[in-house]
C-alpha atoms as a PDB file:
ATOM      1  CA  MET A   1      16.169  24.952  -1.434  1.00  0.00           C
ATOM      2  CA  THR A   2      13.551  22.193  -1.160  1.00  0.00           C
ATOM      3  CA  LYS A   3      14.331  19.539   1.383  1.00  0.00           C
ATOM      4  CA  THR A   4      13.122  16.064   0.467  1.00  0.00           C
ATOM      5  CA  LEU A   5      13.045  13.203   2.946  1.00  0.00           C
ATOM      6  CA  LEU A   6      11.891   9.646   2.680  1.00  0.00           C
ATOM      7  CA  LEU A   7       8.407   9.084   4.040  1.00  0.00           C
ATOM      8  CA  SER A   8       9.675   6.894   6.861  1.00  0.00           C
ATOM      9  CA  GLU A   9      12.103   9.630   7.920  1.00  0.00           C
ATOM     10  CA  CYS A  10       9.291  12.203   7.916  1.00  0.00           C
ATOM     11  CA  ALA A  11       7.175   9.962  10.087  1.00  0.00           C
ATOM     12  CA  ARG A  12      10.061   9.383  12.476  1.00  0.00           C
ATOM     13  CA  LEU A  13      11.009  13.060  12.681  1.00  0.00           C
ATOM     14  CA  HIS A  14       7.562  14.597  12.818  1.00  0.00           C
ATOM     15  CA  GLY A  15       5.206  11.883  14.072  1.00  0.00           C
ATOM     16  CA  VAL A  16       3.086  12.399  10.954  1.00  0.00           C
ATOM     17  CA  TYR A  17       1.231   9.094  10.980  1.00  0.00           C
ATOM     18  CA  ARG A  18      -1.150   7.546  13.428  1.00  0.00           C
ATOM     19  CA  THR A  19      -0.878   3.820  13.926  1.00  0.00           C
ATOM     20  CA  THR A  20      -2.907   1.337  15.894  1.00  0.00           C
ATOM     21  CA  ILE A  21      -1.626   0.212  19.279  1.00  0.00           C
ATOM     22  CA  ASN A  22      -1.003  -3.299  17.917  1.00  0.00           C
ATOM     23  CA  PHE A  23       1.137  -1.908  15.094  1.00  0.00           C
ATOM     24  CA  HIS A  24       3.027   0.340  17.520  1.00  0.00           C
ATOM     25  CA  LYS A  25       3.736  -2.520  19.950  1.00  0.00           C
ATOM     26  CA  ARG A  26       5.222  -4.641  17.182  1.00  0.00           C
ATOM     27  CA  VAL A  27       7.468  -1.786  16.013  1.00  0.00           C
ATOM     28  CA  MET A  28       8.604  -1.183  19.606  1.00  0.00           C
ATOM     29  CA  ARG A  29       9.492  -4.890  19.908  1.00  0.00           C
ATOM     30  CA  GLY A  30      11.771  -4.467  16.893  1.00  0.00           C
ATOM     31  CA  GLU A  31       9.659  -6.412  14.400  1.00  0.00           C
ATOM     32  CA  LYS A  32       9.993  -5.373  10.757  1.00  0.00           C
ATOM     33  CA  PRO A  33       6.758  -4.625   8.873  1.00  0.00           C
ATOM     34  CA  VAL A  34       6.214  -6.154   5.439  1.00  0.00           C
ATOM     35  CA  PRO A  35       5.431  -3.875   2.478  1.00  0.00           C
ATOM     36  CA  PHE A  36       2.396  -4.743   0.369  1.00  0.00           C
ATOM     37  CA  VAL A  37       0.237  -3.069  -2.255  1.00  0.00           C
ATOM     38  CA  LEU A  38      -3.438  -3.166  -3.118  1.00  0.00           C
ATOM     39  CA  ILE A  39      -4.464  -2.592  -6.721  1.00  0.00           C
ATOM     40  CA  HIS A  40      -8.122  -1.910  -7.452  1.00  0.00           C
ATOM     41  CA  THR A  41      -8.898  -3.365 -10.874  1.00  0.00           C
ATOM     42  CA  ASP A  42     -12.299  -3.567 -12.562  1.00  0.00           C
ATOM     43  CA  MET A  43     -12.734  -7.031 -11.037  1.00  0.00           C
ATOM     44  CA  ALA A  44     -11.716  -6.445  -7.399  1.00  0.00           C
ATOM     45  CA  TRP A  45      -8.863  -5.543  -5.073  1.00  0.00           C
ATOM     46  CA  ARG A  46      -5.653  -7.479  -5.684  1.00  0.00           C
ATOM     47  CA  ALA A  47      -2.978  -7.700  -2.969  1.00  0.00           C
ATOM     48  CA  TYR A  48       0.712  -8.311  -3.626  1.00  0.00           C
ATOM     49  CA  ALA A  49       3.477  -8.453  -1.029  1.00  0.00           C
ATOM     50  CA  GLN A  50       7.109  -9.391  -0.522  1.00  0.00           C
ATOM     51  CA  LYS A  51       5.921 -12.225   1.694  1.00  0.00           C
ATOM     52  CA  THR A  52       2.733 -14.285   1.848  1.00  0.00           C
ATOM     53  CA  LEU A  53       0.303 -12.445   4.132  1.00  0.00           C
ATOM     54  CA  THR A  54      -2.393 -15.061   4.673  1.00  0.00           C
ATOM     55  CA  LYS A  55      -3.373 -13.878   8.158  1.00  0.00           C
ATOM     56  CA  THR A  56      -3.491 -10.226   7.109  1.00  0.00           C
ATOM     57  CA  PHE A  57      -6.228 -10.943   4.578  1.00  0.00           C
ATOM     58  CA  ASP A  58      -7.990 -13.792   6.402  1.00  0.00           C
ATOM     59  CA  GLU A  59     -11.448 -12.340   5.830  1.00  0.00           C
ATOM     60  CA  GLU A  60     -13.481 -15.256   7.170  1.00  0.00           C
ATOM     61  CA  GLN A  61     -12.748 -14.398  10.799  1.00  0.00           C
ATOM     62  CA  TYR A  62     -14.287 -10.950  10.295  1.00  0.00           C
ATOM     63  CA  VAL A  63     -17.514 -11.912   8.561  1.00  0.00           C
ATOM     64  CA  ALA A  64     -20.599 -11.439  10.738  1.00  0.00           C
ATOM     65  CA  ASN A  65     -22.014 -14.927  10.255  1.00  0.00           C
ATOM     66  CA  GLY A  66     -23.871 -15.454  13.549  1.00  0.00           C
ATOM     67  CA  THR A  67     -20.778 -16.393  15.570  1.00  0.00           C
ATOM     68  CA  TYR A  68     -20.077 -12.758  16.421  1.00  0.00           C
ATOM     69  CA  THR A  69     -22.270 -10.454  18.418  1.00  0.00           C
ATOM     70  CA  GLY A  70     -23.088  -6.910  17.456  1.00  0.00           C
ATOM     71  CA  ASP A  71     -22.937  -5.416  20.965  1.00  0.00           C
ATOM     72  CA  GLY A  72     -19.329  -4.308  20.638  1.00  0.00           C
ATOM     73  CA  THR A  73     -17.592  -7.189  22.392  1.00  0.00           C
ATOM     74  CA  ILE A  74     -16.415  -8.673  19.116  1.00  0.00           C
ATOM     75  CA  THR A  75     -16.865  -6.663  15.954  1.00  0.00           C
ATOM     76  CA  ALA A  76     -16.854  -7.727  12.354  1.00  0.00           C
ATOM     77  CA  GLY A  77     -13.848  -6.229  10.562  1.00  0.00           C
ATOM     78  CA  ALA A  78     -13.698  -4.061   7.489  1.00  0.00           C
ATOM     79  CA  SER A  79     -13.246  -6.608   4.731  1.00  0.00           C
ATOM     80  CA  ILE A  80     -11.504  -5.451   1.561  1.00  0.00           C
ATOM     81  CA  GLY A  81     -12.569  -8.539  -0.391  1.00  0.00           C
ATOM     82  CA  ALA A  82      -9.233  -9.110  -2.141  1.00  0.00           C
ATOM     83  CA  VAL A  83      -9.431 -11.841  -4.783  1.00  0.00           C
ATOM     84  CA  ASP A  84      -5.691 -12.154  -5.310  1.00  0.00           C
ATOM     85  CA  LEU A  85      -3.231 -12.574  -2.432  1.00  0.00           C
ATOM     86  CA  GLN A  86       0.229 -13.391  -3.716  1.00  0.00           C
ATOM     87  CA  ARG A  87       3.895 -13.003  -2.957  1.00  0.00           C
ATOM     88  CA  ARG A  88       4.947 -11.096  -6.093  1.00  0.00           C
ATOM     89  CA  ILE A  89       6.803  -7.912  -5.073  1.00  0.00           C
ATOM     90  CA  LEU A  90      10.477  -8.000  -6.020  1.00  0.00           C
ATOM     91  CA  SER A  91      11.158  -4.358  -5.176  1.00  0.00           C
ATOM     92  CA  ILE A  92       9.246  -1.262  -4.162  1.00  0.00           C
ATOM     93  CA  SER A  93      10.452   2.314  -3.955  1.00  0.00           C
ATOM     94  CA  SER A  94       9.828   4.683  -1.086  1.00  0.00           C
ATOM     95  CA  PRO A  95       7.799   7.751  -2.022  1.00  0.00           C
ATOM     96  CA  SER A  96       9.457  11.069  -1.275  1.00  0.00           C
ATOM     97  CA  ARG A  97       7.640  14.169  -0.130  1.00  0.00           C
ATOM     98  CA  THR A  98       8.509  17.845  -0.087  1.00  0.00           C
ATOM     99  CA  ILE A  99       8.222  18.958   3.514  1.00  0.00           C
ATOM    100  CA  ARG A 100       9.072  22.623   2.959  1.00  0.00           C
ATOM    101  CA  PRO A 101       7.980  24.893   0.085  1.00  0.00           C
ATOM    102  CA  SER A 102      10.701  26.193  -2.210  1.00  0.00           C
ATOM    103  CA  SER A 103       9.445  29.783  -2.033  1.00  0.00           C
ATOM    104  CA  ARG A 104       8.311  32.021   0.783  1.00  0.00           C
ATOM    105  CA  SER A 105       4.968  32.746  -0.866  1.00  0.00           C
ATOM    106  CA  ILE A 106       2.159  30.665   0.618  1.00  0.00           C
ATOM    107  CA  SER A 107       0.091  30.727  -2.573  1.00  0.00           C
ATOM    108  CA  ASN A 108       3.065  29.649  -4.693  1.00  0.00           C
ATOM    109  CA  SER A 109       3.975  26.865  -2.292  1.00  0.00           C
ATOM    110  CA  TYR A 110       0.569  25.230  -2.824  1.00  0.00           C
ATOM    111  CA  ALA A 111       0.902  25.486  -6.598  1.00  0.00           C
ATOM    112  CA  ALA A 112       4.451  24.073  -6.518  1.00  0.00           C
ATOM    113  CA  LYS A 113       3.631  21.045  -4.363  1.00  0.00           C
ATOM    114  CA  GLN A 114       5.675  18.040  -5.381  1.00  0.00           C
ATOM    115  CA  GLN A 115       3.535  15.106  -6.434  1.00  0.00           C
ATOM    116  CA  ALA A 116       4.783  11.867  -4.892  1.00  0.00           C
ATOM    117  CA  SER A 117       5.221   8.751  -6.983  1.00  0.00           C
ATOM    118  CA  ILE A 118       6.076   5.146  -6.326  1.00  0.00           C
ATOM    119  CA  SER A 119       7.521   2.379  -8.466  1.00  0.00           C
ATOM    120  CA  LEU A 120       7.246  -1.343  -7.893  1.00  0.00           C
ATOM    121  CA  THR A 121       8.568  -4.397  -9.668  1.00  0.00           C
ATOM    122  CA  LEU A 122       6.452  -7.553  -9.607  1.00  0.00           C
ATOM    123  CA  ASP A 123       7.486 -11.110 -10.488  1.00  0.00           C
ATOM    124  CA  ASP A 124       6.052 -12.255 -13.838  1.00  0.00           C
ATOM    125  CA  ALA A 125       8.274 -15.290 -14.479  1.00  0.00           C
ATOM    126  CA  ASP A 126       5.166 -17.452 -14.992  1.00  0.00           C
ATOM    127  CA  SER A 127       3.495 -14.824 -17.285  1.00  0.00           C
ATOM    128  CA  TYR A 128       0.753 -14.317 -14.699  1.00  0.00           C
ATOM    129  CA  PHE A 129       0.552 -10.530 -15.151  1.00  0.00           C
ATOM    130  CA  SER A 130       1.010 -10.751 -18.920  1.00  0.00           C
ATOM    131  CA  LYS A 131      -2.269 -12.674 -19.062  1.00  0.00           C
ATOM    132  CA  LEU A 132      -4.032 -10.743 -16.284  1.00  0.00           C
ATOM    133  CA  ILE A 133      -3.558  -7.219 -17.634  1.00  0.00           C
ATOM    134  CA  ALA A 134      -5.110  -8.248 -20.946  1.00  0.00           C
ATOM    135  CA  LEU A 135      -8.333  -8.983 -19.026  1.00  0.00           C
ATOM    136  CA  GLU A 136      -7.992  -6.392 -16.248  1.00  0.00           C
ATOM    137  CA  PRO A 137      -5.875  -3.427 -17.335  1.00  0.00           C
ATOM    138  CA  PHE A 138      -3.929  -1.815 -14.470  1.00  0.00           C
ATOM    139  CA  LEU A 139      -3.393   1.540 -16.190  1.00  0.00           C
ATOM    140  CA  SER A 140      -5.370   4.364 -14.491  1.00  0.00           C
ATOM    141  CA  LYS A 141      -6.408   2.117 -11.585  1.00  0.00           C
ATOM    142  CA  GLU A 142      -5.947   2.936  -7.899  1.00  0.00           C
ATOM    143  CA  LEU A 143      -2.853   1.657  -6.100  1.00  0.00           C
ATOM    144  CA  ARG A 144      -2.317   1.804  -2.348  1.00  0.00           C
ATOM    145  CA  SER A 145       0.976   0.975  -0.675  1.00  0.00           C
ATOM    146  CA  TYR A 146       1.129  -0.209   2.949  1.00  0.00           C
ATOM    147  CA  VAL A 147       3.474  -1.638   5.522  1.00  0.00           C
ATOM    148  CA  GLY A 148       2.013  -4.096   7.973  1.00  0.00           C
ATOM    149  CA  PHE A 149       2.463  -7.262   9.949  1.00  0.00           C
ATOM    150  CA  GLU A 150       1.229 -10.703   8.955  1.00  0.00           C
ATOM    151  CA  ALA A 151      -0.510 -11.312  12.270  1.00  0.00           C
ATOM    152  CA  LEU A 152      -2.514  -8.069  12.043  1.00  0.00           C
ATOM    153  CA  PRO A 153      -5.498  -7.443   9.756  1.00  0.00           C
ATOM    154  CA  HIS A 154      -4.869  -5.121   6.800  1.00  0.00           C
ATOM    155  CA  TRP A 155      -6.809  -2.197   8.299  1.00  0.00           C
ATOM    156  CA  GLU A 156      -4.203  -2.024  11.076  1.00  0.00           C
ATOM    157  CA  SER A 157      -1.451  -1.515   8.498  1.00  0.00           C
ATOM    158  CA  LEU A 158       0.111   1.867   7.809  1.00  0.00           C
ATOM    159  CA  ARG A 159      -0.808   3.336   4.425  1.00  0.00           C
ATOM    160  CA  ILE A 160       2.201   5.189   3.027  1.00  0.00           C
ATOM    161  CA  PHE A 161       0.934   5.992  -0.463  1.00  0.00           C
ATOM    162  CA  GLN A 162      -2.256   6.237  -2.495  1.00  0.00           C
ATOM    163  CA  GLY A 163      -2.308   7.074  -6.168  1.00  0.00           C
ATOM    164  CA  ILE A 164      -3.217   6.185  -9.718  1.00  0.00           C
ATOM    165  CA  ILE A 165      -1.193   3.818 -11.906  1.00  0.00           C
ATOM    166  CA  THR A 166       0.324   5.888 -14.702  1.00  0.00           C
ATOM    167  CA  SER A 167       2.699   3.389 -16.306  1.00  0.00           C
ATOM    168  CA  VAL A 168       2.783  -0.388 -16.757  1.00  0.00           C
ATOM    169  CA  MET A 169       5.825  -1.903 -18.419  1.00  0.00           C
ATOM    170  CA  LEU A 170       6.155  -5.628 -19.116  1.00  0.00           C
ATOM    171  CA  LYS A 171       9.698  -6.967 -19.181  1.00  0.00           C
ATOM    172  CA  GLN A 172      10.959 -10.515 -19.758  1.00  0.00           C
ATOM    173  CA  THR A 173      10.150 -11.867 -16.279  1.00  0.00           C
ATOM    174  CA  THR A 174       8.868  -8.782 -14.455  1.00  0.00           C
ATOM    175  CA  ILE A 175       6.256  -6.066 -14.636  1.00  0.00           C
ATOM    176  CA  ILE A 176       7.153  -2.528 -13.539  1.00  0.00           C
ATOM    177  CA  ILE A 177       4.333  -0.337 -12.288  1.00  0.00           C
ATOM    178  CA  GLN A 178       4.597   3.413 -11.732  1.00  0.00           C
ATOM    179  CA  ALA A 179       1.899   5.268  -9.765  1.00  0.00           C
ATOM    180  CA  ASP A 180       1.490   8.978  -9.042  1.00  0.00           C
ATOM    181  CA  GLU A 181      -0.217  10.589  -6.091  1.00  0.00           C
ATOM    182  CA  GLN A 182      -3.818  11.664  -6.627  1.00  0.00           C
END
């Protein structure tokens, strides 16, 4: 029988993920990370979260513009260059993973690997996405799902999923996006 656990349970049980010390300290203090997604359209990266993450994507502080030295004391960060930073996520599913193969054969277990998927619902009450996807289609674009803290830059967030958008469904006031693991 295949045993499926939520990704967060796998991480807790098996220590699967590596996090930065800043991320770890915040978790140990009992702070709750905020889920957010990055969607890579033809135009640029677009970031959507359940909460406004202005400090997470404050790129100006990481640009090497003469105020930072290159000797390692202060480094310029890895800018993602997101053009869209909005509070739009209404709900997001947790991806599930198979942690044990269903058969005893090693070769069959690789062939029978369960592909993870994720589903998210975004707010489209103002028809923002209805207009955007006509110009920048989301279908077949890369989607990354993270959990992070507003006070930390995005590269210190924990990536829990990376995949390709396989379904985009517009509803009355929402857009539902389904992505499958690459």
